[in-house]
């Protein structure tokens, strides 16, 4: 939980308006952090003058040597989340 808390703090300090959590039990941690860092429902006022992004950066396709088993595992996890959600066991209905 400490690592999740620290990661959410980093996101809030970086100017994120919100965050994603992998489990409903982490919502309270994320909410605590973001409620403490944001005064509104957004952080549009946060300027990151230390970050320089160009159009070329946004269009660049990252290159990496990703093994097929990693792609398969990621797709499998995504399908399991979707299947669970469709059965009513997703974030909105955790009982």
Protein backbone atom coordinates (compact mmCIF):
# COMPACT_ATOMS: atom_id res chain seq x y z
CA UNK A 1 0.00 0.00 0.00
CA UNK A 2 2.90 2.32 0.73
CA UNK A 3 4.24 1.91 -2.83
CA UNK A 4 0.79 2.61 -4.28
CA UNK A 5 0.47 5.70 -2.09
CA UNK A 6 3.88 6.99 -3.20
CA UNK A 7 3.08 6.33 -6.86
CA UNK A 8 -0.22 8.22 -6.59
CA UNK A 9 1.59 11.10 -4.89
CA UNK A 10 4.02 11.25 -7.80
CA UNK A 11 1.13 11.31 -10.28
CA UNK A 12 -0.65 14.08 -8.39
CA UNK A 13 2.55 16.16 -8.13
CA UNK A 14 3.13 15.68 -11.87
CA UNK A 15 -0.24 17.32 -12.55
CA UNK A 16 -2.44 14.32 -13.30
CA UNK A 17 -6.16 15.01 -12.93
CA UNK A 18 -6.89 11.49 -11.79
CA UNK A 19 -5.53 8.00 -11.73
CA UNK A 20 -6.25 4.35 -12.42
CA UNK A 21 -6.16 1.58 -9.85
CA UNK A 22 -6.08 -2.16 -10.42
CA UNK A 23 -8.36 -3.09 -7.52
CA UNK A 24 -11.35 -1.45 -5.82
CA UNK A 25 -9.57 -1.57 -2.45
CA UNK A 26 -7.03 0.93 -3.81
CA UNK A 27 -9.65 3.58 -4.60
CA UNK A 28 -9.52 4.99 -1.05
CA UNK A 29 -5.72 5.34 -1.24
CA UNK A 30 -5.86 7.13 -4.60
CA UNK A 31 -8.73 9.35 -3.47
CA UNK A 32 -6.89 10.35 -0.28
CA UNK A 33 -3.81 11.37 -2.25
CA UNK A 34 -5.64 13.26 -4.98
CA UNK A 35 -8.04 14.98 -2.56
CA UNK A 36 -4.99 16.23 -0.67
CA UNK A 37 -3.21 17.52 -3.79
CA UNK A 38 -6.00 18.95 -5.91
CA UNK A 39 -8.21 21.90 -5.03
CA UNK A 40 -10.55 21.45 -8.00
CA UNK A 41 -11.60 18.52 -10.13
CA UNK A 42 -8.62 19.22 -12.38
CA UNK A 43 -5.07 20.54 -12.30
CA UNK A 44 -5.14 22.56 -15.49
CA UNK A 45 -3.28 25.29 -13.63
CA UNK A 46 -0.24 23.02 -13.19
CA UNK A 47 2.36 24.02 -15.77
CA UNK A 48 5.25 21.65 -16.36
CA UNK A 49 7.89 24.05 -17.61
CA UNK A 50 10.47 21.30 -17.08
CA UNK A 51 8.85 19.07 -19.74
CA UNK A 52 9.27 19.77 -23.45
CA UNK A 53 7.11 17.71 -25.82
CA UNK A 54 7.09 18.23 -29.56
CA UNK A 55 4.72 16.96 -32.27
CA UNK A 56 7.49 14.60 -33.34
CA UNK A 57 7.60 13.15 -29.80
CA UNK A 58 3.86 12.45 -29.91
CA UNK A 59 4.12 10.68 -33.26
CA UNK A 60 7.16 8.57 -32.39
CA UNK A 61 6.44 4.86 -32.10
CA UNK A 62 8.50 3.32 -29.30
CA UNK A 63 10.70 0.42 -30.25
CA UNK A 64 11.24 -2.47 -27.92
CA UNK A 65 11.98 -6.14 -28.05
CA UNK A 66 8.77 -7.48 -26.53
CA UNK A 67 8.57 -11.26 -26.37
CA UNK A 68 5.35 -12.85 -27.66
CA UNK A 69 4.68 -14.40 -24.24
CA UNK A 70 4.48 -10.87 -22.72
CA UNK A 71 1.93 -9.79 -25.33
CA UNK A 72 -0.07 -12.97 -24.75
CA UNK A 73 0.00 -12.48 -20.96
CA UNK A 74 -1.15 -8.85 -21.28
CA UNK A 75 -4.03 -9.80 -23.59
CA UNK A 76 -4.99 -12.62 -21.23
CA UNK A 77 -5.16 -10.26 -18.23
CA UNK A 78 -7.24 -7.77 -20.21
CA UNK A 79 -9.69 -10.49 -21.26
CA UNK A 80 -9.99 -11.74 -17.67
CA UNK A 81 -10.81 -8.22 -16.43
CA UNK A 82 -13.40 -7.79 -19.20
CA UNK A 83 -14.95 -11.19 -18.56
CA UNK A 84 -15.21 -10.49 -14.83
CA UNK A 85 -16.74 -7.07 -15.48
CA UNK A 86 -19.31 -8.54 -17.88
CA UNK A 87 -20.29 -11.05 -15.17
CA UNK A 88 -20.97 -8.15 -12.80
CA UNK A 89 -17.83 -8.60 -10.72
CA UNK A 90 -16.12 -5.46 -11.94
CA UNK A 91 -15.37 -2.21 -10.17
CA UNK A 92 -18.99 -1.05 -9.92
CA UNK A 93 -20.22 -4.26 -8.31
CA UNK A 94 -17.61 -5.72 -5.99
CA UNK A 95 -19.95 -7.55 -3.63
